[in-house]
Amino acid sequence: MAGLYRLLRLPGFVCVALLVVLPGATWAAYVTDTFEITLRSGPTNGHKIVAMLRSGQAVQVLEKNEAGWALVRVLDGPGKDKEGWVITRYLMERVPWEKQAAQLRQENAAIKSSLTDSDSQWLRYQTREKELTETLEKTSRELEALKKEYQALREGSADYLKLKEELDKTQAALAETQALAKRLTQENESLRFSQHVKWFVAGALVLLCGWLIGLAMGRQRRKKATGLHFS
């Protein structure tokens, strides 16, 4: 462990990520710094180098032996899909600092983008709230004006109903007066006709009386004249 700790502290040390596939258990391993390790065709330093693995590359552990070597399959980067042997102590579960930093940078960029979107959305909300406030104020003013107009119309309609009631009463009184005037006119015509008849009858009676008086006086004169002649 002390040797591994000193090795991890060496400048230029590289981290290789791995996914260990063992019966019943798996784990991921990472190596830090900028160290490269060899992927060999066999579990000794004498075997041929198949590829050079950089820090942060992911591998799948297929097998381990007691000599400290692990058979792995490269999952990304140089030598992808190749299989070979690496020294087990160069594999670790901790995420490499470089990957952590990249992940943090990505998260930071995502947060900044989210904050930018949030600011833009907040500005849109503020603009929308201002528009809604102005619309509400305008609608409130229009509603107040409509209330005043309604009150004026209501008062006007009350006056109109009152005037209409008075007009109806006046028209009824006028109709009654006209009917009375017509009746009085008819009665006056009847009375005038009766008066004419009375004057006509009186005149006729006067004439008749005069004629009768004249007739009587004529007879009286003739009687006197006859009496004088026979004497």
Protein backbone atom coordinates (compact mmCIF):
# COMPACT_ATOMS: atom_id res chain seq x y z
CA MET A 1 0.00 0.00 0.00
CA ALA A 2 2.89 2.40 0.81
CA GLY A 3 4.42 1.72 -2.57
CA LEU A 4 1.07 2.31 -4.30
CA TYR A 5 0.63 5.56 -2.34
CA ARG A 6 4.08 6.77 -3.42
CA LEU A 7 3.30 5.76 -7.00
CA LEU A 8 0.03 7.70 -6.94
CA ARG A 9 1.96 10.79 -5.79
CA LEU A 10 4.43 10.61 -8.70
CA PRO A 11 4.16 13.46 -11.27
CA GLY A 12 2.63 12.36 -14.52
CA PHE A 13 0.68 9.51 -13.02
CA VAL A 14 -2.31 8.49 -15.19
CA CYS A 15 -5.64 7.13 -14.07
CA VAL A 16 -7.31 4.31 -15.98
CA ALA A 17 -11.02 3.71 -15.38
CA LEU A 18 -12.27 0.21 -15.19
CA LEU A 19 -15.45 -1.72 -14.82
CA VAL A 20 -14.64 -4.94 -12.99
CA VAL A 21 -16.69 -7.95 -14.00
CA LEU A 22 -16.24 -10.72 -11.46
CA PRO A 23 -18.65 -13.46 -10.44
CA GLY A 24 -21.26 -11.72 -8.32
CA ALA A 25 -19.50 -8.28 -8.10
CA THR A 26 -18.50 -5.30 -10.27
CA TRP A 27 -16.81 -1.98 -9.58
CA ALA A 28 -15.40 0.99 -11.41
CA ALA A 29 -11.79 2.15 -11.08
CA TYR A 30 -10.06 5.42 -11.99
CA VAL A 31 -6.48 6.70 -11.96
CA THR A 32 -5.41 10.33 -11.63
CA ASP A 33 -2.73 12.58 -13.13
CA THR A 34 -1.18 12.07 -16.58
CA PHE A 35 0.29 8.60 -16.50
CA GLU A 36 0.14 6.00 -19.27
CA ILE A 37 0.19 2.26 -18.69
CA THR A 38 0.84 -0.59 -21.06
CA LEU A 39 -1.74 -3.08 -22.23
CA ARG A 40 0.19 -6.31 -22.87
CA SER A 41 -0.69 -9.56 -24.54
CA GLY A 42 0.18 -11.53 -21.42
CA PRO A 43 0.47 -11.09 -17.64
CA THR A 44 4.21 -10.21 -17.60
CA ASN A 45 6.35 -7.28 -18.61
CA GLY A 46 7.93 -9.46 -21.24
CA HIS A 47 4.76 -9.83 -23.28
CA LYS A 48 4.08 -7.67 -26.31
CA ILE A 49 2.54 -4.23 -25.76
CA VAL A 50 -0.90 -4.20 -27.38
CA ALA A 51 -1.75 -0.54 -26.62
CA MET A 52 -0.96 2.38 -24.34
CA LEU A 53 -3.84 3.32 -22.07
CA ARG A 54 -4.24 6.91 -20.94
CA SER A 55 -5.64 8.29 -17.74
CA GLY A 56 -9.39 8.07 -17.48
CA GLN A 57 -9.90 5.26 -20.00
CA ALA A 58 -12.56 2.77 -19.03
CA VAL A 59 -11.84 -0.94 -19.07
CA GLN A 60 -13.84 -4.02 -18.24
CA VAL A 61 -12.01 -6.45 -15.97
CA LEU A 62 -12.40 -9.98 -17.24
CA GLU A 63 -9.97 -11.80 -15.00
CA LYS A 64 -7.36 -11.26 -12.26
CA ASN A 65 -4.45 -13.44 -11.10
CA GLU A 66 -2.45 -13.64 -7.91
CA ALA A 67 0.60 -12.11 -9.59
CA GLY A 68 -1.08 -8.68 -9.65
CA TRP A 69 -2.20 -8.67 -13.27
CA ALA A 70 -5.73 -8.18 -14.65
CA LEU A 71 -7.14 -9.19 -18.01
CA VAL A 72 -9.23 -6.28 -19.30
CA ARG A 73 -11.19 -5.18 -22.35
CA VAL A 74 -10.73 -1.52 -23.33
CA LEU A 75 -14.08 0.28 -23.49
CA ASP A 76 -13.04 3.67 -24.91
CA GLY A 77 -10.12 5.73 -26.18
CA PRO A 78 -6.94 4.24 -27.73
CA GLY A 79 -7.09 0.47 -28.11
CA LYS A 80 -10.90 0.40 -27.80
CA ASP A 81 -12.37 -3.15 -27.89
CA LYS A 82 -8.89 -4.68 -27.49
CA GLU A 83 -8.15 -7.17 -24.70
CA GLY A 84 -4.91 -7.43 -22.76
CA TRP A 85 -3.21 -7.50 -19.41
CA VAL A 86 -2.45 -4.55 -17.12
CA ILE A 87 -0.95 -4.27 -13.68
CA THR A 88 -3.80 -4.35 -11.20
CA ARG A 89 -2.39 -1.68 -8.90
CA TYR A 90 -2.72 0.86 -11.71
CA LEU A 91 -6.49 0.44 -11.56
CA MET A 92 -8.59 2.19 -8.91
CA GLU A 93 -12.22 2.87 -8.18
CA ARG A 94 -11.95 6.60 -7.54
CA VAL A 95 -13.03 8.85 -10.38
CA PRO A 96 -9.98 10.59 -11.89
CA TRP A 97 -9.51 14.23 -10.95
CA GLU A 98 -9.49 15.16 -14.61
CA LYS A 99 -12.84 13.48 -15.15
CA GLN A 100 -14.20 14.99 -11.99
CA ALA A 101 -13.03 18.42 -13.14
CA ALA A 102 -14.56 17.86 -16.60
CA GLN A 103 -17.79 16.70 -15.00
CA LEU A 104 -17.79 19.72 -12.70
CA ARG A 105 -17.12 22.00 -15.65
CA GLN A 106 -20.04 20.43 -17.50
CA GLU A 107 -22.27 20.78 -14.45
CA ASN A 108 -21.11 24.37 -13.98
CA ALA A 109 -21.84 25.14 -17.64
CA ALA A 110 -25.24 23.49 -17.30
CA ILE A 111 -25.94 25.55 -14.16
CA LYS A 112 -24.84 28.74 -15.91
CA SER A 113 -27.02 27.89 -18.89
CA SER A 114 -29.88 27.11 -16.55
CA LEU A 115 -29.31 30.41 -14.72
CA THR A 116 -29.21 32.24 -18.04
CA ASP A 117 -32.44 30.54 -19.07
CA SER A 118 -33.88 31.33 -15.65
CA ASP A 119 -32.86 34.99 -16.00
CA SER A 120 -34.40 35.14 -19.46
CA GLN A 121 -37.51 33.42 -18.20
CA TRP A 122 -37.60 35.79 -15.22
CA LEU A 123 -37.35 38.78 -17.55
CA ARG A 124 -40.16 37.32 -19.64
CA TYR A 125 -42.21 36.82 -16.49
CA GLN A 126 -41.50 40.40 -15.39
CA THR A 127 -42.50 41.73 -18.81
CA ARG A 128 -45.60 39.57 -18.80
CA GLU A 129 -46.45 40.68 -15.26
CA LYS A 130 -46.04 44.33 -16.30
CA GLU A 131 -48.29 43.78 -19.31
CA LEU A 132 -50.88 42.03 -17.15
CA THR A 133 -50.70 44.81 -14.55
CA GLU A 134 -51.24 47.47 -17.22
CA THR A 135 -54.09 45.43 -18.70
CA LEU A 136 -55.64 45.04 -15.25
CA GLU A 137 -55.39 48.77 -14.56
CA LYS A 138 -56.90 49.59 -17.95
CA THR A 139 -59.68 47.06 -17.42
CA SER A 140 -60.33 48.49 -13.94
CA ARG A 141 -60.62 52.00 -15.37
CA GLU A 142 -62.97 50.80 -18.10
CA LEU A 143 -65.03 48.91 -15.53
CA GLU A 144 -65.28 52.01 -13.34
CA ALA A 145 -66.39 54.05 -16.36
CA LEU A 146 -68.98 51.40 -17.22
CA LYS A 147 -70.24 51.48 -13.63
CA LYS A 148 -70.69 55.24 -13.83
CA GLU A 149 -72.47 54.95 -17.19
CA TYR A 150 -74.68 52.21 -15.79
CA GLN A 151 -75.52 54.35 -12.76
CA ALA A 152 -76.33 57.29 -15.02
CA LEU A 153 -78.50 55.09 -17.23
CA ARG A 154 -80.18 53.65 -14.18
CA GLU A 155 -80.98 57.11 -12.84
CA GLY A 156 -82.04 58.22 -16.32
CA SER A 157 -84.25 55.19 -16.70
CA ALA A 158 -85.85 55.96 -13.33
CA ASP A 159 -86.54 59.51 -14.51
CA TYR A 160 -87.80 58.15 -17.80
CA LEU A 161 -90.18 55.75 -16.06
CA LYS A 162 -91.43 58.56 -13.87
CA LEU A 163 -91.95 60.85 -16.86
CA LYS A 164 -93.62 58.04 -18.77
CA GLU A 165 -95.97 57.43 -15.86
CA GLU A 166 -96.83 61.14 -15.73
CA LEU A 167 -97.26 61.20 -19.51
CA ASP A 168 -99.60 58.21 -19.35
CA LYS A 169 -101.61 59.94 -16.64
CA THR A 170 -101.72 63.17 -18.68
CA GLN A 171 -102.75 61.30 -21.81
CA ALA A 172 -105.46 59.49 -19.85
CA ALA A 173 -106.68 62.80 -18.41
CA LEU A 174 -106.57 64.37 -21.86
CA ALA A 175 -108.55 61.47 -23.33
CA GLU A 176 -111.08 61.83 -20.54
CA THR A 177 -111.28 65.59 -21.09
CA GLN A 178 -111.70 65.11 -24.83
CA ALA A 179 -114.48 62.57 -24.20
CA LEU A 180 -116.14 64.99 -21.80
CA ALA A 181 -115.80 67.84 -24.31
CA LYS A 182 -117.29 65.68 -27.01
CA ARG A 183 -120.16 64.73 -24.77
CA LEU A 184 -120.72 68.33 -23.79
CA THR A 185 -120.59 69.36 -27.44
CA GLN A 186 -123.14 66.74 -28.30
CA GLU A 187 -125.34 67.88 -25.41
CA ASN A 188 -124.89 71.49 -26.44
CA GLU A 189 -125.89 70.62 -30.00
CA SER A 190 -128.92 68.81 -28.62
CA LEU A 191 -129.83 71.76 -26.45
CA ARG A 192 -129.32 74.18 -29.34
CA PHE A 193 -131.52 72.05 -31.54
CA SER A 194 -134.16 71.90 -28.82
CA GLN A 195 -133.95 75.66 -28.40
CA HIS A 196 -134.42 76.15 -32.11
CA VAL A 197 -137.41 73.84 -32.00
CA LYS A 198 -138.83 75.75 -29.07
CA TRP A 199 -138.37 79.07 -30.86
CA PHE A 200 -139.87 77.61 -34.00
CA VAL A 201 -142.87 76.26 -32.08
CA ALA A 202 -143.25 79.55 -30.21
CA GLY A 203 -143.11 81.48 -33.46
CA ALA A 204 -145.62 79.16 -35.01
CA LEU A 205 -147.86 79.58 -31.99
CA VAL A 206 -147.54 83.34 -32.21
CA LEU A 207 -148.42 83.26 -35.87
CA LEU A 208 -151.29 80.92 -35.21
CA CYS A 209 -152.58 83.10 -32.41
CA GLY A 210 -152.28 86.17 -34.58
CA TRP A 211 -154.10 84.49 -37.41
CA LEU A 212 -156.85 83.33 -35.07
CA ILE A 213 -157.13 86.82 -33.58
CA GLY A 214 -157.21 88.33 -37.04
CA LEU A 215 -159.84 85.86 -38.13
CA ALA A 216 -161.96 86.60 -35.10
CA MET A 217 -161.64 90.31 -35.55
CA GLY A 218 -162.55 89.99 -39.21
CA ARG A 219 -165.71 88.13 -38.38
CA GLN A 220 -166.55 90.71 -35.77
CA ARG A 221 -166.16 93.50 -38.26
CA ARG A 222 -168.28 91.73 -40.80
CA LYS A 223 -171.01 91.21 -38.21
CA LYS A 224 -171.02 94.89 -37.34
CA ALA A 225 -171.10 95.87 -40.96
CA THR A 226 -174.10 93.62 -41.61
CA GLY A 227 -176.01 94.98 -38.63
CA LEU A 228 -175.57 98.51 -39.79
CA HIS A 229 -176.78 97.70 -43.29
CA PHE A 230 -180.09 96.14 -42.16
CA SER A 231 -181.00 98.94 -39.80
